[in-house]
């Protein structure tokens, strides 16, 4: 499932609802979801793994916990 900016412009409550809605098929059907977003709170809440893309190139990829712990990461 591809969700491109699915939470863009939403208030925090609506964002939480959308993320919960996306988690249901992921958990129930083992469905992979690609969530494209600039919202770091959504990334922290919903992602198991993250790819950081700059100028069309993947510059880092890994588990969200690992990337958030790296001080050189834009996610950290």
PDB file of N, CA and C in Angstrom:
ATOM      1  N   UNK A   1       0.852  -1.169   0.000  1.00  0.00           N
ATOM      2  CA  UNK A   1       0.000   0.000   0.000  1.00  0.00           C
ATOM      3  C   UNK A   1       0.895   1.227   0.000  1.00  0.00           C
ATOM      4  N   UNK A   2       0.639   2.152  -0.890  1.00  0.00           N
ATOM      5  CA  UNK A   2       1.398   3.400  -0.969  1.00  0.00           C
ATOM      6  C   UNK A   2       0.538   4.537  -0.429  1.00  0.00           C
ATOM      7  N   UNK A   3       1.025   5.211   0.602  1.00  0.00           N
ATOM      8  CA  UNK A   3       0.309   6.335   1.209  1.00  0.00           C
ATOM      9  C   UNK A   3       1.194   7.573   1.080  1.00  0.00           C
ATOM     10  N   UNK A   4       0.907   8.393   0.099  1.00  0.00           N
ATOM     11  CA  UNK A   4       1.723   9.574  -0.200  1.00  0.00           C
ATOM     12  C   UNK A   4       1.144  10.795   0.504  1.00  0.00           C
ATOM     13  N   UNK A   5       1.859  11.273   1.536  1.00  0.00           N
ATOM     14  CA  UNK A   5       1.437  12.446   2.319  1.00  0.00           C
ATOM     15  C   UNK A   5       0.011  12.272   2.859  1.00  0.00           C
ATOM     16  N   UNK A   6      -0.276  11.070   3.349  1.00  0.00           N
ATOM     17  CA  UNK A   6      -1.622  10.737   3.828  1.00  0.00           C
ATOM     18  C   UNK A   6      -2.065  11.572   5.024  1.00  0.00           C
ATOM     19  N   UNK A   7      -1.113  12.141   5.771  1.00  0.00           N
ATOM     20  CA  UNK A   7      -1.470  12.929   6.954  1.00  0.00           C
ATOM     21  C   UNK A   7      -1.168  14.415   6.781  1.00  0.00           C
ATOM     22  N   UNK A   8      -0.785  14.803   5.605  1.00  0.00           N
ATOM     23  CA  UNK A   8      -0.421  16.201   5.344  1.00  0.00           C
ATOM     24  C   UNK A   8      -1.601  17.132   5.592  1.00  0.00           C
ATOM     25  N   UNK A   9      -1.363  18.145   6.406  1.00  0.00           N
ATOM     26  CA  UNK A   9      -2.382  19.156   6.666  1.00  0.00           C
ATOM     27  C   UNK A   9      -3.441  18.754   7.676  1.00  0.00           C
ATOM     28  N   UNK A  10      -3.296  17.584   8.273  1.00  0.00           N
ATOM     29  CA  UNK A  10      -4.291  17.136   9.246  1.00  0.00           C
ATOM     30  C   UNK A  10      -3.900  17.567  10.655  1.00  0.00           C
ATOM     31  N   UNK A  11      -4.903  17.757  11.507  1.00  0.00           N
ATOM     32  CA  UNK A  11      -4.622  18.053  12.906  1.00  0.00           C
ATOM     33  C   UNK A  11      -4.135  16.766  13.582  1.00  0.00           C
ATOM     34  N   UNK A  12      -3.549  16.873  14.769  1.00  0.00           N
ATOM     35  CA  UNK A  12      -2.986  15.686  15.432  1.00  0.00           C
ATOM     36  C   UNK A  12      -3.983  14.545  15.636  1.00  0.00           C
ATOM     37  N   UNK A  13      -5.221  14.860  15.960  1.00  0.00           N
ATOM     38  CA  UNK A  13      -6.223  13.812  16.177  1.00  0.00           C
ATOM     39  C   UNK A  13      -6.536  13.082  14.877  1.00  0.00           C
ATOM     40  N   UNK A  14      -6.699  13.816  13.788  1.00  0.00           N
ATOM     41  CA  UNK A  14      -6.969  13.191  12.490  1.00  0.00           C
ATOM     42  C   UNK A  14      -5.760  12.392  12.012  1.00  0.00           C
ATOM     43  N   UNK A  15      -4.561  12.912  12.266  1.00  0.00           N
ATOM     44  CA  UNK A  15      -3.340  12.189  11.907  1.00  0.00           C
ATOM     45  C   UNK A  15      -3.289  10.850  12.629  1.00  0.00           C
ATOM     46  N   UNK A  16      -3.572  10.851  13.921  1.00  0.00           N
ATOM     47  CA  UNK A  16      -3.571   9.610  14.701  1.00  0.00           C
ATOM     48  C   UNK A  16      -4.595   8.621  14.153  1.00  0.00           C
ATOM     49  N   UNK A  17      -5.750   9.114  13.745  1.00  0.00           N
ATOM     50  CA  UNK A  17      -6.787   8.245  13.177  1.00  0.00           C
ATOM     51  C   UNK A  17      -6.330   7.610  11.872  1.00  0.00           C
ATOM     52  N   UNK A  18      -5.705   8.401  11.007  1.00  0.00           N
ATOM     53  CA  UNK A  18      -5.219   7.874   9.726  1.00  0.00           C
ATOM     54  C   UNK A  18      -4.130   6.834   9.962  1.00  0.00           C
ATOM     55  N   UNK A  19      -3.196   7.113  10.863  1.00  0.00           N
ATOM     56  CA  UNK A  19      -2.122   6.162  11.142  1.00  0.00           C
ATOM     57  C   UNK A  19      -2.671   4.866  11.729  1.00  0.00           C
ATOM     58  N   UNK A  20      -3.667   4.962  12.590  1.00  0.00           N
ATOM     59  CA  UNK A  20      -4.304   3.761  13.143  1.00  0.00           C
ATOM     60  C   UNK A  20      -5.005   2.973  12.043  1.00  0.00           C
ATOM     61  N   UNK A  21      -5.634   3.680  11.124  1.00  0.00           N
ATOM     62  CA  UNK A  21      -6.306   3.030   9.998  1.00  0.00           C
ATOM     63  C   UNK A  21      -5.300   2.290   9.120  1.00  0.00           C
ATOM     64  N   UNK A  22      -4.123   2.865   8.927  1.00  0.00           N
ATOM     65  CA  UNK A  22      -3.090   2.221   8.114  1.00  0.00           C
ATOM     66  C   UNK A  22      -2.484   1.003   8.820  1.00  0.00           C
ATOM     67  N   UNK A  23      -2.418   1.038  10.134  1.00  0.00           N
ATOM     68  CA  UNK A  23      -1.819  -0.074  10.881  1.00  0.00           C
ATOM     69  C   UNK A  23      -2.674  -1.337  10.830  1.00  0.00           C
ATOM     70  N   UNK A  24      -3.983  -1.181  10.722  1.00  0.00           N
ATOM     71  CA  UNK A  24      -4.875  -2.341  10.760  1.00  0.00           C
ATOM     72  C   UNK A  24      -4.571  -3.348   9.646  1.00  0.00           C
ATOM     73  N   UNK A  25      -4.554  -2.944   8.364  1.00  0.00           N
ATOM     74  CA  UNK A  25      -4.235  -3.940   7.319  1.00  0.00           C
ATOM     75  C   UNK A  25      -2.794  -4.440   7.403  1.00  0.00           C
ATOM     76  N   UNK A  26      -1.899  -3.580   7.888  1.00  0.00           N
ATOM     77  CA  UNK A  26      -0.506  -4.012   8.062  1.00  0.00           C
ATOM     78  C   UNK A  26      -0.429  -5.181   9.030  1.00  0.00           C
ATOM     79  N   UNK A  27      -1.092  -5.035  10.160  1.00  0.00           N
ATOM     80  CA  UNK A  27      -1.045  -6.069  11.183  1.00  0.00           C
ATOM     81  C   UNK A  27      -1.877  -7.298  10.809  1.00  0.00           C
ATOM     82  N   UNK A  28      -3.057  -7.070  10.255  1.00  0.00           N
ATOM     83  CA  UNK A  28      -3.977  -8.168   9.962  1.00  0.00           C
ATOM     84  C   UNK A  28      -3.526  -9.012   8.772  1.00  0.00           C
ATOM     85  N   UNK A  29      -2.999  -8.376   7.737  1.00  0.00           N
ATOM     86  CA  UNK A  29      -2.653  -9.084   6.501  1.00  0.00           C
ATOM     87  C   UNK A  29      -1.151  -9.114   6.222  1.00  0.00           C
ATOM     88  N   UNK A  30      -0.345  -8.655   7.178  1.00  0.00           N
ATOM     89  CA  UNK A  30       1.107  -8.575   6.970  1.00  0.00           C
ATOM     90  C   UNK A  30       1.424  -7.744   5.726  1.00  0.00           C
ATOM     91  N   UNK A  31       0.676  -6.682   5.531  1.00  0.00           N
ATOM     92  CA  UNK A  31       0.778  -5.821   4.361  1.00  0.00           C
ATOM     93  C   UNK A  31       1.888  -4.797   4.548  1.00  0.00           C
ATOM     94  N   UNK A  32       2.732  -4.661   3.546  1.00  0.00           N
ATOM     95  CA  UNK A  32       3.763  -3.620   3.574  1.00  0.00           C
ATOM     96  C   UNK A  32       3.129  -2.290   3.197  1.00  0.00           C
ATOM     97  N   UNK A  33       3.478  -1.259   3.931  1.00  0.00           N
ATOM     98  CA  UNK A  33       2.961   0.077   3.659  1.00  0.00           C
ATOM     99  C   UNK A  33       4.137   1.015   3.461  1.00  0.00           C
ATOM    100  N   UNK A  34       4.116   1.727   2.354  1.00  0.00           N
ATOM    101  CA  UNK A  34       5.111   2.767   2.102  1.00  0.00           C
ATOM    102  C   UNK A  34       4.433   4.084   2.434  1.00  0.00           C
ATOM    103  N   UNK A  35       4.895   4.726   3.488  1.00  0.00           N
ATOM    104  CA  UNK A  35       4.331   5.994   3.947  1.00  0.00           C
ATOM    105  C   UNK A  35       5.301   7.104   3.569  1.00  0.00           C
ATOM    106  N   UNK A  36       4.895   7.929   2.643  1.00  0.00           N
ATOM    107  CA  UNK A  36       5.715   9.063   2.214  1.00  0.00           C
ATOM    108  C   UNK A  36       5.249  10.271   3.007  1.00  0.00           C
ATOM    109  N   UNK A  37       6.165  10.856   3.777  1.00  0.00           N
ATOM    110  CA  UNK A  37       5.783  11.983   4.623  1.00  0.00           C
ATOM    111  C   UNK A  37       6.998  12.825   4.986  1.00  0.00           C
ATOM    112  N   UNK A  38       6.730  14.067   5.313  1.00  0.00           N
ATOM    113  CA  UNK A  38       7.742  14.968   5.859  1.00  0.00           C
ATOM    114  C   UNK A  38       7.510  15.176   7.355  1.00  0.00           C
ATOM    115  N   UNK A  39       6.491  14.524   7.889  1.00  0.00           N
ATOM    116  CA  UNK A  39       6.092  14.701   9.278  1.00  0.00           C
ATOM    117  C   UNK A  39       6.799  13.674  10.164  1.00  0.00           C
ATOM    118  N   UNK A  40       7.788  14.132  10.914  1.00  0.00           N
ATOM    119  CA  UNK A  40       8.608  13.231  11.709  1.00  0.00           C
ATOM    120  C   UNK A  40       7.813  12.544  12.820  1.00  0.00           C
ATOM    121  N   UNK A  41       6.789  13.193  13.354  1.00  0.00           N
ATOM    122  CA  UNK A  41       5.969  12.536  14.373  1.00  0.00           C
ATOM    123  C   UNK A  41       5.269  11.312  13.789  1.00  0.00           C
ATOM    124  N   UNK A  42       4.793  11.417  12.562  1.00  0.00           N
ATOM    125  CA  UNK A  42       4.157  10.275  11.899  1.00  0.00           C
ATOM    126  C   UNK A  42       5.167   9.159  11.677  1.00  0.00           C
ATOM    127  N   UNK A  43       6.386   9.525  11.306  1.00  0.00           N
ATOM    128  CA  UNK A  43       7.447   8.531  11.104  1.00  0.00           C
ATOM    129  C   UNK A  43       7.724   7.804  12.412  1.00  0.00           C
ATOM    130  N   UNK A  44       7.890   8.553  13.481  1.00  0.00           N
ATOM    131  CA  UNK A  44       8.193   7.949  14.785  1.00  0.00           C
ATOM    132  C   UNK A  44       7.061   7.041  15.259  1.00  0.00           C
ATOM    133  N   UNK A  45       5.835   7.419  14.956  1.00  0.00           N
ATOM    134  CA  UNK A  45       4.669   6.662  15.401  1.00  0.00           C
ATOM    135  C   UNK A  45       4.437   5.404  14.578  1.00  0.00           C
ATOM    136  N   UNK A  46       4.592   5.494  13.270  1.00  0.00           N
ATOM    137  CA  UNK A  46       4.109   4.439  12.391  1.00  0.00           C
ATOM    138  C   UNK A  46       5.173   3.554  11.762  1.00  0.00           C
ATOM    139  N   UNK A  47       6.418   3.987  11.737  1.00  0.00           N
ATOM    140  CA  UNK A  47       7.415   3.275  10.932  1.00  0.00           C
ATOM    141  C   UNK A  47       8.161   2.198  11.708  1.00  0.00           C
ATOM    142  N   UNK A  48       8.397   1.092  11.028  1.00  0.00           N
ATOM    143  CA  UNK A  48       9.304   0.061  11.529  1.00  0.00           C
ATOM    144  C   UNK A  48      10.690   0.280  10.933  1.00  0.00           C
ATOM    145  N   UNK A  49      10.708   0.669   9.667  1.00  0.00           N
ATOM    146  CA  UNK A  49      11.957   0.948   8.955  1.00  0.00           C
ATOM    147  C   UNK A  49      11.766   2.235   8.166  1.00  0.00           C
ATOM    148  N   UNK A  50      12.882   2.927   7.928  1.00  0.00           N
ATOM    149  CA  UNK A  50      12.824   4.234   7.282  1.00  0.00           C
ATOM    150  C   UNK A  50      13.899   4.319   6.209  1.00  0.00           C
ATOM    151  N   UNK A  51      13.530   4.930   5.102  1.00  0.00           N
ATOM    152  CA  UNK A  51      14.517   5.300   4.087  1.00  0.00           C
ATOM    153  C   UNK A  51      14.504   6.818   4.012  1.00  0.00           C
ATOM    154  N   UNK A  52      15.660   7.417   4.201  1.00  0.00           N
ATOM    155  CA  UNK A  52      15.788   8.868   4.045  1.00  0.00           C
ATOM    156  C   UNK A  52      16.256   9.118   2.617  1.00  0.00           C
ATOM    157  N   UNK A  53      15.520   9.946   1.908  1.00  0.00           N
ATOM    158  CA  UNK A  53      15.812  10.204   0.499  1.00  0.00           C
ATOM    159  C   UNK A  53      16.154  11.672   0.324  1.00  0.00           C
ATOM    160  N   UNK A  54      17.280  11.926  -0.317  1.00  0.00           N
ATOM    161  CA  UNK A  54      17.691  13.295  -0.660  1.00  0.00           C
ATOM    162  C   UNK A  54      17.988  13.349  -2.143  1.00  0.00           C
ATOM    163  N   UNK A  55      17.379  14.303  -2.814  1.00  0.00           N
ATOM    164  CA  UNK A  55      17.599  14.487  -4.247  1.00  0.00           C
ATOM    165  C   UNK A  55      17.395  13.192  -5.025  1.00  0.00           C
ATOM    166  N   UNK A  56      16.384  12.413  -4.631  1.00  0.00           N
ATOM    167  CA  UNK A  56      16.043  11.194  -5.346  1.00  0.00           C
ATOM    168  C   UNK A  56      16.917   9.993  -5.045  1.00  0.00           C
ATOM    169  N   UNK A  57      17.813  10.108  -4.074  1.00  0.00           N
ATOM    170  CA  UNK A  57      18.722   9.017  -3.733  1.00  0.00           C
ATOM    171  C   UNK A  57      18.519   8.607  -2.277  1.00  0.00           C
ATOM    172  N   UNK A  58      18.433   7.304  -2.028  1.00  0.00           N
ATOM    173  CA  UNK A  58      18.355   6.822  -0.650  1.00  0.00           C
ATOM    174  C   UNK A  58      19.723   7.002  -0.013  1.00  0.00           C
ATOM    175  N   UNK A  59      19.783   7.841   1.023  1.00  0.00           N
ATOM    176  CA  UNK A  59      21.057   8.120   1.687  1.00  0.00           C
ATOM    177  C   UNK A  59      21.232   7.304   2.966  1.00  0.00           C
ATOM    178  N   UNK A  60      20.138   6.823   3.515  1.00  0.00           N
ATOM    179  CA  UNK A  60      20.229   5.895   4.638  1.00  0.00           C
ATOM    180  C   UNK A  60      18.932   5.122   4.751  1.00  0.00           C
ATOM    181  N   UNK A  61      19.056   3.908   5.247  1.00  0.00           N
ATOM    182  CA  UNK A  61      17.910   3.026   5.409  1.00  0.00           C
ATOM    183  C   UNK A  61      18.163   2.174   6.640  1.00  0.00           C
ATOM    184  N   UNK A  62      17.127   1.967   7.424  1.00  0.00           N
ATOM    185  CA  UNK A  62      17.285   1.101   8.586  1.00  0.00           C
ATOM    186  C   UNK A  62      16.075   1.133   9.493  1.00  0.00           C
ATOM    187  N   UNK A  63      16.235   0.464  10.627  1.00  0.00           N
ATOM    188  CA  UNK A  63      15.170   0.459  11.623  1.00  0.00           C
ATOM    189  C   UNK A  63      15.038   1.861  12.198  1.00  0.00           C
ATOM    190  N   UNK A  64      13.835   2.266  12.478  1.00  0.00           N
ATOM    191  CA  UNK A  64      13.577   3.620  12.957  1.00  0.00           C
ATOM    192  C   UNK A  64      14.363   3.902  14.236  1.00  0.00           C
ATOM    193  N   UNK A  65      14.447   2.938  15.145  1.00  0.00           N
ATOM    194  CA  UNK A  65      15.154   3.148  16.409  1.00  0.00           C
ATOM    195  C   UNK A  65      16.633   3.449  16.170  1.00  0.00           C
ATOM    196  N   UNK A  66      17.234   2.742  15.209  1.00  0.00           N
ATOM    197  CA  UNK A  66      18.656   2.943  14.920  1.00  0.00           C
ATOM    198  C   UNK A  66      18.913   4.316  14.312  1.00  0.00           C
ATOM    199  N   UNK A  67      18.070   4.719  13.372  1.00  0.00           N
ATOM    200  CA  UNK A  67      18.280   6.006  12.714  1.00  0.00           C
ATOM    201  C   UNK A  67      17.996   7.176  13.649  1.00  0.00           C
ATOM    202  N   UNK A  68      17.019   7.041  14.515  1.00  0.00           N
ATOM    203  CA  UNK A  68      16.720   8.113  15.460  1.00  0.00           C
ATOM    204  C   UNK A  68      17.850   8.297  16.465  1.00  0.00           C
ATOM    205  N   UNK A  69      18.603   7.246  16.732  1.00  0.00           N
ATOM    206  CA  UNK A  69      19.694   7.314  17.704  1.00  0.00           C
ATOM    207  C   UNK A  69      20.977   7.899  17.117  1.00  0.00           C
ATOM    208  N   UNK A  70      21.055   8.021  15.801  1.00  0.00           N
ATOM    209  CA  UNK A  70      22.277   8.520  15.161  1.00  0.00           C
ATOM    210  C   UNK A  70      22.266  10.044  15.117  1.00  0.00           C
ATOM    211  N   UNK A  71      23.264  10.692  15.700  1.00  0.00           N
ATOM    212  CA  UNK A  71      23.291  12.157  15.701  1.00  0.00           C
ATOM    213  C   UNK A  71      23.504  12.770  14.315  1.00  0.00           C
ATOM    214  N   UNK A  72      24.090  12.019  13.372  1.00  0.00           N
ATOM    215  CA  UNK A  72      24.323  12.555  12.029  1.00  0.00           C
ATOM    216  C   UNK A  72      23.112  12.388  11.121  1.00  0.00           C
ATOM    217  N   UNK A  73      22.083  11.725  11.614  1.00  0.00           N
ATOM    218  CA  UNK A  73      20.879  11.491  10.833  1.00  0.00           C
ATOM    219  C   UNK A  73      19.961  12.706  10.900  1.00  0.00           C
ATOM    220  N   UNK A  74      19.320  13.027   9.799  1.00  0.00           N
ATOM    221  CA  UNK A  74      18.306  14.087   9.825  1.00  0.00           C
ATOM    222  C   UNK A  74      17.119  13.679  10.685  1.00  0.00           C
ATOM    223  N   UNK A  75      16.972  12.380  10.923  1.00  0.00           N
ATOM    224  CA  UNK A  75      15.863  11.883  11.731  1.00  0.00           C
ATOM    225  C   UNK A  75      16.149  11.974  13.222  1.00  0.00           C
ATOM    226  N   UNK A  76      17.428  12.004  13.597  1.00  0.00           N
ATOM    227  CA  UNK A  76      17.824  11.971  15.009  1.00  0.00           C
ATOM    228  C   UNK A  76      17.713  13.295  15.702  1.00  0.00           C
TER     229      UNK A  76
END
